[in-house]
Amino acid sequence: MCVVSNMRIRRTDLVHLILCITSLIVIQAAAAQSSNADSEAASVVAPKTTTPSLPSVPGSLSTEQIQELIQKVVENDIQNDKKQRNYTYIERDLENHLDGKGRTKSTESRTYEILNIYAEQVRKLIEKDDKPISAKEAAKEEENIQKIINKRRNESDKDRQKRAEREAKEREEGKQFEHEIANAYNFTLLRTELVSGREAWMISAEPRPGFVPHMKYANYLPKFHGRIWIDKADLQMSKMEVEALDTVSWGLFLARMHKGSHLMIEQTRINDEVWLPRQVAFKIDARFALLKNFNMDGEQTFRDYKKFRTDSKIVGVSEAQAEK
């Protein structure tokens, strides 16, 4: 599973992998640390948000300054993750398949309802190409949802412990990756811009010469550059743009992403309490498993946010039908 600022981006295996790799540049630390935030809700006190010591005018940021800023964004993201899990919404994924000249050959879209099941967000397919899915497909979706409910409802103490240990390991790796990010780039405060009507610091990240990676995936960092917008009031990531500077390969024969592939993520503040995904846009030129090139662009859009009642009872499909 890849989480982008708590936003789950699941498409084809190729696109999923590429988006995971590109999103590592700035927010992997936050995603890993927040993966099990709900289990710590009783013991974690919301951090006091303070303004980091950034220069008042555009200029380079020191390693200490960017570490301080990333740490505050991570802390706030953990708290945001708990609130985000109280929301359901609709996600629409659009993909344009391109020819060698960048012209659209075909277009497809899928629309999902994002559900809240045992404090986890789960996607349920509801439309294909903006038309409702068939009754057979809908039944299959309900069956998959029921499996998830049954798995969590019947989870043994041993399995629950394994899951907790796995998530704790991910959080620790996230802390380490935070330092890799700070060491991999030269950060420059460019200016202050408005993102969805709110003031945000616009910061560029360019690969630092001589960077030596120490963690898995950190060796990809120098092959990307980008910009990140940090909301000045909430210290949350409001927008991020990432671009591949060179061909990126992973796995012996798995995939290769070409120079120029890029990704944009934008979030927005909802109900004056939580940051939720607004839009994801990407353009990818890649080769998968030594097959033909995949050249596509697309976007994800998010709408119809509704707050989920945390005291609601989660029931299976059969139970719901029996209660009618």
Protein backbone atom coordinates (compact mmCIF):
# COMPACT_ATOMS: atom_id res chain seq x y z
CA MET A 1 0.00 0.00 0.00
CA CYS A 2 1.25 3.48 -0.85
CA VAL A 3 -0.08 6.41 1.15
CA VAL A 4 0.44 9.98 -0.13
CA SER A 5 -0.15 12.28 2.75
CA ASN A 6 -2.68 9.64 3.91
CA MET A 7 -4.16 9.56 0.46
CA ARG A 8 -4.29 6.04 -1.00
CA ILE A 9 -3.42 5.93 -4.69
CA ARG A 10 -4.16 2.48 -6.12
CA ARG A 11 -4.26 2.08 -9.87
CA THR A 12 -2.61 -0.48 -12.10
CA ASP A 13 0.48 -2.05 -10.52
CA LEU A 14 2.72 0.07 -12.73
CA VAL A 15 1.12 3.41 -11.91
CA HIS A 16 0.81 2.45 -8.24
CA LEU A 17 4.53 1.67 -8.04
CA ILE A 18 5.53 4.85 -9.86
CA LEU A 19 3.38 7.07 -7.66
CA CYS A 20 4.80 5.38 -4.59
CA ILE A 21 8.36 6.05 -5.72
CA THR A 22 7.74 9.70 -6.62
CA SER A 23 5.84 10.45 -3.44
CA LEU A 24 8.82 9.37 -1.35
CA ILE A 25 10.61 12.66 -1.99
CA VAL A 26 8.94 14.74 0.70
CA ILE A 27 6.17 12.90 2.52
CA GLN A 28 7.18 9.26 2.97
CA ALA A 29 8.23 10.02 6.51
CA ALA A 30 4.84 11.44 7.37
CA ALA A 31 2.95 8.57 5.73
CA ALA A 32 4.90 5.86 7.54
CA GLN A 33 4.70 7.54 10.91
CA SER A 34 0.94 8.08 10.66
CA SER A 35 0.07 4.54 9.52
CA ASN A 36 -0.91 3.45 13.03
CA ALA A 37 -1.79 6.75 14.61
CA ASP A 38 -5.26 5.57 15.70
CA SER A 39 -3.76 2.99 18.07
CA GLU A 40 -1.95 5.78 19.90
CA ALA A 41 -4.94 8.13 20.17
CA ALA A 42 -5.35 7.60 23.90
CA SER A 43 -1.74 8.40 24.74
CA VAL A 44 -0.70 11.03 22.19
CA VAL A 45 -1.25 14.67 23.05
CA ALA A 46 -1.76 16.95 20.05
CA PRO A 47 1.49 18.82 19.45
CA LYS A 48 1.53 22.56 19.87
CA THR A 49 2.01 24.12 16.47
CA THR A 50 4.73 26.76 16.42
CA THR A 51 6.23 28.66 13.51
CA PRO A 52 9.60 27.19 12.46
CA SER A 53 12.60 29.48 12.28
CA LEU A 54 12.55 30.07 8.51
CA PRO A 55 14.11 33.16 6.97
CA SER A 56 11.73 36.06 6.44
CA VAL A 57 12.98 36.50 2.85
CA PRO A 58 13.66 33.97 0.08
CA GLY A 59 16.87 32.03 0.55
CA SER A 60 18.49 28.67 1.20
CA LEU A 61 17.33 26.53 4.10
CA SER A 62 19.84 24.77 6.32
CA THR A 63 19.60 21.06 7.11
CA GLU A 64 18.50 21.95 10.64
CA GLN A 65 15.74 24.27 9.40
CA ILE A 66 14.31 21.75 6.95
CA GLN A 67 14.49 18.96 9.54
CA GLU A 68 12.59 21.15 11.97
CA LEU A 69 9.95 21.97 9.37
CA ILE A 70 9.54 18.35 8.19
CA GLN A 71 9.26 17.15 11.79
CA LYS A 72 6.45 19.63 12.49
CA VAL A 73 4.66 18.63 9.29
CA VAL A 74 5.00 14.97 10.34
CA GLU A 75 3.60 15.63 13.81
CA ASN A 76 0.65 17.56 12.44
CA ASP A 77 0.06 14.90 9.79
CA ILE A 78 -0.33 12.26 12.51
CA GLN A 79 -3.07 14.30 14.12
CA ASN A 80 -4.65 15.01 10.72
CA ASP A 81 -4.69 11.29 9.91
CA LYS A 82 -6.94 10.58 12.90
CA LYS A 83 -9.40 13.23 11.74
CA GLN A 84 -9.24 12.11 8.10
CA ARG A 85 -10.42 8.64 9.03
CA ASN A 86 -13.70 10.20 10.16
CA TYR A 87 -14.54 11.20 6.58
CA THR A 88 -15.98 9.41 3.57
CA TYR A 89 -15.85 10.80 0.04
CA ILE A 90 -15.94 10.08 -3.68
CA GLU A 91 -12.77 9.60 -5.72
CA ARG A 92 -12.69 9.69 -9.53
CA ASP A 93 -9.62 8.34 -11.39
CA LEU A 94 -9.07 9.37 -15.00
CA GLU A 95 -6.36 7.89 -17.25
CA ASN A 96 -5.44 9.03 -20.77
CA HIS A 97 -3.33 6.56 -22.75
CA LEU A 98 -1.06 8.42 -25.18
CA ASP A 99 0.68 7.56 -28.43
CA GLY A 100 4.34 8.26 -29.22
CA LYS A 101 3.53 11.88 -30.06
CA GLY A 102 1.67 12.52 -26.84
CA ARG A 103 -1.79 12.37 -28.40
CA THR A 104 -4.63 10.66 -26.53
CA LYS A 105 -5.41 7.17 -27.88
CA SER A 106 -7.97 6.13 -25.28
CA THR A 107 -9.47 7.35 -22.03
CA GLU A 108 -10.93 5.46 -19.11
CA SER A 109 -12.22 6.47 -15.71
CA ARG A 110 -13.22 4.75 -12.49
CA THR A 111 -15.13 6.23 -9.58
CA TYR A 112 -14.88 4.94 -6.02
CA GLU A 113 -16.71 5.51 -2.77
CA ILE A 114 -14.20 5.80 0.07
CA LEU A 115 -15.61 4.00 3.12
CA ASN A 116 -14.55 3.99 6.76
CA ILE A 117 -14.21 0.41 8.06
CA TYR A 118 -12.63 -0.19 11.46
CA ALA A 119 -10.83 3.18 11.28
CA GLU A 120 -9.37 2.31 7.87
CA GLN A 121 -10.32 3.81 4.52
CA VAL A 122 -11.44 1.28 1.90
CA ARG A 123 -12.30 1.94 -1.74
CA LYS A 124 -15.51 0.60 -3.27
CA LEU A 125 -15.88 0.79 -7.07
CA ILE A 126 -19.20 2.38 -8.08
CA GLU A 127 -18.71 3.61 -11.68
CA LYS A 128 -16.72 2.86 -14.83
CA ASP A 129 -16.42 5.59 -17.46
CA ASP A 130 -18.95 7.61 -15.45
CA LYS A 131 -21.62 4.88 -15.66
CA PRO A 132 -22.80 2.70 -12.74
CA ILE A 133 -21.15 -0.73 -12.63
CA SER A 134 -23.22 -3.82 -13.37
CA ALA A 135 -25.20 -5.66 -10.70
CA LYS A 136 -22.67 -8.51 -10.87
CA GLU A 137 -19.76 -6.14 -10.33
CA ALA A 138 -21.60 -4.39 -7.50
CA ALA A 139 -22.18 -7.72 -5.78
CA LYS A 140 -18.47 -8.52 -6.10
CA GLU A 141 -17.59 -5.18 -4.52
CA GLU A 142 -19.94 -5.88 -1.60
CA GLU A 143 -18.36 -9.31 -1.19
CA ASN A 144 -14.90 -7.77 -0.99
CA ILE A 145 -16.09 -5.25 1.61
CA GLN A 146 -17.61 -8.07 3.64
CA LYS A 147 -14.29 -9.95 3.58
CA ILE A 148 -12.51 -6.90 4.98
CA ILE A 149 -15.11 -6.53 7.75
CA ASN A 150 -14.88 -10.23 8.64
CA LYS A 151 -11.09 -10.16 8.67
CA ARG A 152 -10.89 -7.26 11.08
CA ARG A 153 -13.80 -8.46 13.21
CA ASN A 154 -12.28 -11.92 13.62
CA GLU A 155 -8.66 -10.81 13.94
CA SER A 156 -6.83 -12.84 16.58
CA ASP A 157 -4.71 -11.27 19.30
CA LYS A 158 -1.64 -12.75 17.61
CA ASP A 159 -2.49 -11.23 14.23
CA ARG A 160 -3.33 -7.90 15.86
CA GLN A 161 0.06 -7.93 17.57
CA LYS A 162 1.84 -8.71 14.30
CA ARG A 163 0.05 -5.84 12.60
CA ALA A 164 0.99 -3.48 15.42
CA GLU A 165 4.64 -4.56 15.22
CA ARG A 166 4.69 -4.12 11.45
CA GLU A 167 3.23 -0.63 11.71
CA ALA A 168 5.66 0.29 14.49
CA LYS A 169 8.52 -0.77 12.22
CA GLU A 170 7.10 1.39 9.42
CA ARG A 171 6.93 4.40 11.75
CA GLU A 172 10.56 3.93 12.76
CA GLU A 173 11.62 3.65 9.12
CA GLY A 174 9.68 6.84 8.47
CA LYS A 175 11.72 8.68 11.09
CA GLN A 176 14.94 7.49 9.48
CA PHE A 177 13.73 8.41 6.01
CA GLU A 178 12.99 11.91 7.25
CA HIS A 179 16.72 12.40 7.78
CA GLU A 180 17.52 10.94 4.36
CA ILE A 181 15.22 13.52 2.75
CA ALA A 182 16.86 16.38 4.64
CA ASN A 183 20.33 15.19 3.57
CA ALA A 184 19.45 14.40 -0.05
CA TYR A 185 18.44 17.91 -1.14
CA ASN A 186 19.35 21.54 -1.08
CA PHE A 187 16.17 23.33 -0.04
CA THR A 188 15.41 26.92 -1.01
CA LEU A 189 12.55 29.06 0.23
CA LEU A 190 11.31 30.64 -3.02
CA ARG A 191 8.40 32.78 -1.89
CA THR A 192 4.98 32.77 -0.27
CA GLU A 193 2.04 31.80 -2.51
CA LEU A 194 -1.69 31.33 -2.09
CA VAL A 195 -2.91 27.72 -2.34
CA SER A 196 -6.72 27.49 -2.24
CA GLY A 197 -6.76 31.00 -0.81
CA ARG A 198 -4.32 30.23 2.02
CA GLU A 199 -0.74 31.43 2.44
CA ALA A 200 1.90 28.75 1.97
CA TRP A 201 5.70 28.64 1.85
CA MET A 202 6.87 27.50 -1.57
CA ILE A 203 10.10 25.48 -1.17
CA SER A 204 12.22 23.94 -3.91
CA ALA A 205 14.20 20.72 -3.46
CA GLU A 206 17.21 20.07 -5.71
CA PRO A 207 19.51 17.02 -5.37
CA ARG A 208 22.54 17.67 -3.18
CA PRO A 209 25.86 16.63 -4.80
CA GLY A 210 27.66 13.89 -2.89
CA PHE A 211 24.56 12.52 -1.13
CA VAL A 212 25.14 8.96 0.15
CA PRO A 213 21.90 6.99 0.78
CA HIS A 214 21.62 4.65 3.75
CA MET A 215 18.08 3.30 3.35
CA LYS A 216 16.05 1.36 0.82
CA TYR A 217 14.53 3.69 -1.81
CA ALA A 218 16.72 6.62 -0.68
CA ASN A 219 18.98 5.97 -3.68
CA TYR A 220 16.09 7.18 -5.89
CA LEU A 221 15.98 10.62 -4.28
CA PRO A 222 18.78 12.26 -6.34
CA LYS A 223 16.91 11.36 -9.53
CA PHE A 224 13.99 13.61 -8.62
CA HIS A 225 13.50 17.25 -7.85
CA GLY A 226 10.44 19.21 -6.94
CA ARG A 227 8.62 21.86 -4.99
CA ILE A 228 6.47 21.65 -1.90
CA TRP A 229 4.01 24.15 -0.49
CA ILE A 230 3.63 24.17 3.33
CA ASP A 231 0.56 25.90 4.75
CA LYS A 232 1.87 28.64 7.04
CA ALA A 233 -1.02 28.51 9.53
CA ASP A 234 -1.40 24.73 9.92
CA LEU A 235 2.06 23.49 8.88
CA GLN A 236 0.48 20.91 6.59
CA MET A 237 1.52 20.03 3.05
CA SER A 238 -0.97 21.82 0.79
CA LYS A 239 0.68 21.02 -2.55
CA MET A 240 3.63 19.12 -4.00
CA GLU A 241 5.16 18.78 -7.47
CA VAL A 242 7.76 16.12 -8.33
CA GLU A 243 9.63 15.48 -11.61
CA ALA A 244 12.07 12.77 -12.68
CA LEU A 245 15.44 14.25 -13.69
CA ASP A 246 16.74 11.01 -15.19
CA THR A 247 15.61 7.49 -16.02
CA VAL A 248 14.68 5.63 -12.84
CA SER A 249 14.89 1.83 -12.78
CA TRP A 250 13.90 -0.57 -10.02
CA GLY A 251 13.81 -4.33 -9.91
CA LEU A 252 16.02 -6.34 -12.23
CA PHE A 253 13.40 -6.44 -14.99
CA LEU A 254 10.47 -4.78 -13.26
CA ALA A 255 10.07 -1.20 -14.43
CA ARG A 256 11.79 1.87 -15.77
CA MET A 257 10.46 5.41 -15.54
CA HIS A 258 11.82 7.92 -18.00
CA LYS A 259 13.03 11.48 -17.52
CA GLY A 260 10.26 14.07 -17.42
CA SER A 261 7.61 11.95 -15.68
CA HIS A 262 5.97 14.08 -13.05
CA LEU A 263 3.37 14.13 -10.29
CA MET A 264 1.33 16.87 -8.60
CA ILE A 265 -0.61 16.49 -5.36
CA GLU A 266 -2.88 19.12 -3.83
CA GLN A 267 -4.77 19.01 -0.55
CA THR A 268 -7.45 21.30 0.90
CA ARG A 269 -8.78 22.13 4.36
CA ILE A 270 -12.29 20.83 5.04
CA ASN A 271 -14.69 21.92 7.79
CA ASP A 272 -11.90 24.06 9.26
CA GLU A 273 -10.50 20.94 10.95
CA VAL A 274 -8.88 18.48 8.53
CA TRP A 275 -6.74 18.36 5.37
CA LEU A 276 -8.08 16.06 2.66
CA PRO A 277 -7.05 15.29 -0.94
CA ARG A 278 -8.30 17.67 -3.60
CA GLN A 279 -6.47 16.60 -6.77
CA VAL A 280 -3.64 14.38 -8.02
CA ALA A 281 -2.30 14.83 -11.56
CA PHE A 282 0.46 12.83 -13.25
CA LYS A 283 2.21 12.23 -16.55
CA ILE A 284 4.19 9.01 -16.84
CA ASP A 285 6.48 7.65 -19.54
CA ALA A 286 7.65 4.18 -18.47
CA ARG A 287 8.46 0.64 -19.51
CA PHE A 288 7.14 -2.29 -17.50
CA ALA A 289 8.69 -5.78 -17.37
CA LEU A 290 10.55 -5.35 -20.70
CA LEU A 291 7.24 -4.83 -22.51
CA LYS A 292 6.15 -1.86 -24.60
CA ASN A 293 6.29 1.65 -23.19
CA PHE A 294 3.43 2.97 -21.09
CA ASN A 295 2.79 6.62 -21.90
CA MET A 296 -0.12 8.11 -20.02
CA ASP A 297 -1.37 11.07 -18.08
CA GLY A 298 -4.33 11.45 -15.80
CA GLU A 299 -5.75 12.81 -12.62
CA GLN A 300 -7.62 11.91 -9.48
CA THR A 301 -10.28 14.24 -8.12
CA PHE A 302 -12.06 14.06 -4.77
CA ARG A 303 -15.48 15.36 -3.73
CA ASP A 304 -18.57 14.95 -1.52
CA TYR A 305 -16.78 14.85 1.82
CA LYS A 306 -18.99 13.62 4.65
CA LYS A 307 -18.05 13.22 8.26
CA PHE A 308 -18.39 9.63 9.42
CA ARG A 309 -20.09 9.14 12.79
CA THR A 310 -17.41 7.52 14.92
CA ASP A 311 -20.07 5.85 17.07
CA SER A 312 -21.71 4.20 14.06
CA LYS A 313 -21.98 0.42 14.09
CA ILE A 314 -20.22 -1.35 11.25
CA VAL A 315 -22.28 -4.28 10.02
CA GLY A 316 -21.88 -6.77 7.22
CA VAL A 317 -24.04 -6.94 4.12
CA SER A 318 -26.15 -9.82 5.43
CA GLU A 319 -26.75 -8.01 8.74
CA ALA A 320 -27.77 -4.84 6.97
CA GLN A 321 -30.30 -6.70 4.83
CA ALA A 322 -31.73 -8.44 7.89
CA GLU A 323 -32.26 -5.10 9.65
CA LYS A 324 -34.32 -3.66 6.78
